[in-house]
Amino acid sequence: MPSKVPSRPNHTAAKLITPEQEDAWFALLSAHASVTDRIDRELREQHRISFSATEILCRLHDEEPQSVRSLASQLVSVSPTRASRLVQQLVDAGYLQRGADQGDGRKSLISFTSEGRRYSKKVARTLEDAILRYLIEPLDEEDIEAIVRISQKLRTAQSAELSAASR
């Protein structure tokens, strides 16, 4: 199957970026969509869970328990509103549970159930296998380092922008 090269739409009226910069933008979007779509498909087939819900399990695994708000602030693939709905679906499925926050009775904290912890480990193995297959293996070390370097530059620029806006 031939690889799909992002096409360059000709509807940008402002012309503030070069064609090469526009290609880079659409290549980034295409690569992200391609990798996450394949990982999502694999997670759904093997565990009946979406990529977005998997991200919640991964973030909760890093630090448990957490409030939904704290958890949502760490997520890349979903909005806070969607995160709240996904957390509730995972609670309803028996993988997560809500508990009272001892420091603030108005908040509830999310944590794993025993079944959820076992399920999360299985999902994490599938996720790591998929990341290896769809992102790591097709690239060489230099490509991976470039992705990390670019991501760090974009985060630094975002932090500077947020810092300037809060002054």
Foldseek 3Di string as FASTA:
>chain_A
DDDDQDDQDPPDPVCPDDSVVSSVVVVVVVLVCVLQVVLQVQLCVPPVDGPQLLLLLVQCVVPPWAFLVVSQVPGDPDHSVVSVVSLVVCVVVQQKDWAADPVDRVTIIIHGDPVNVVSSVVSVVSSVVSCCVSPVVVDDPVVVVVVVVVVVVVVVVVVVVVVVVVD
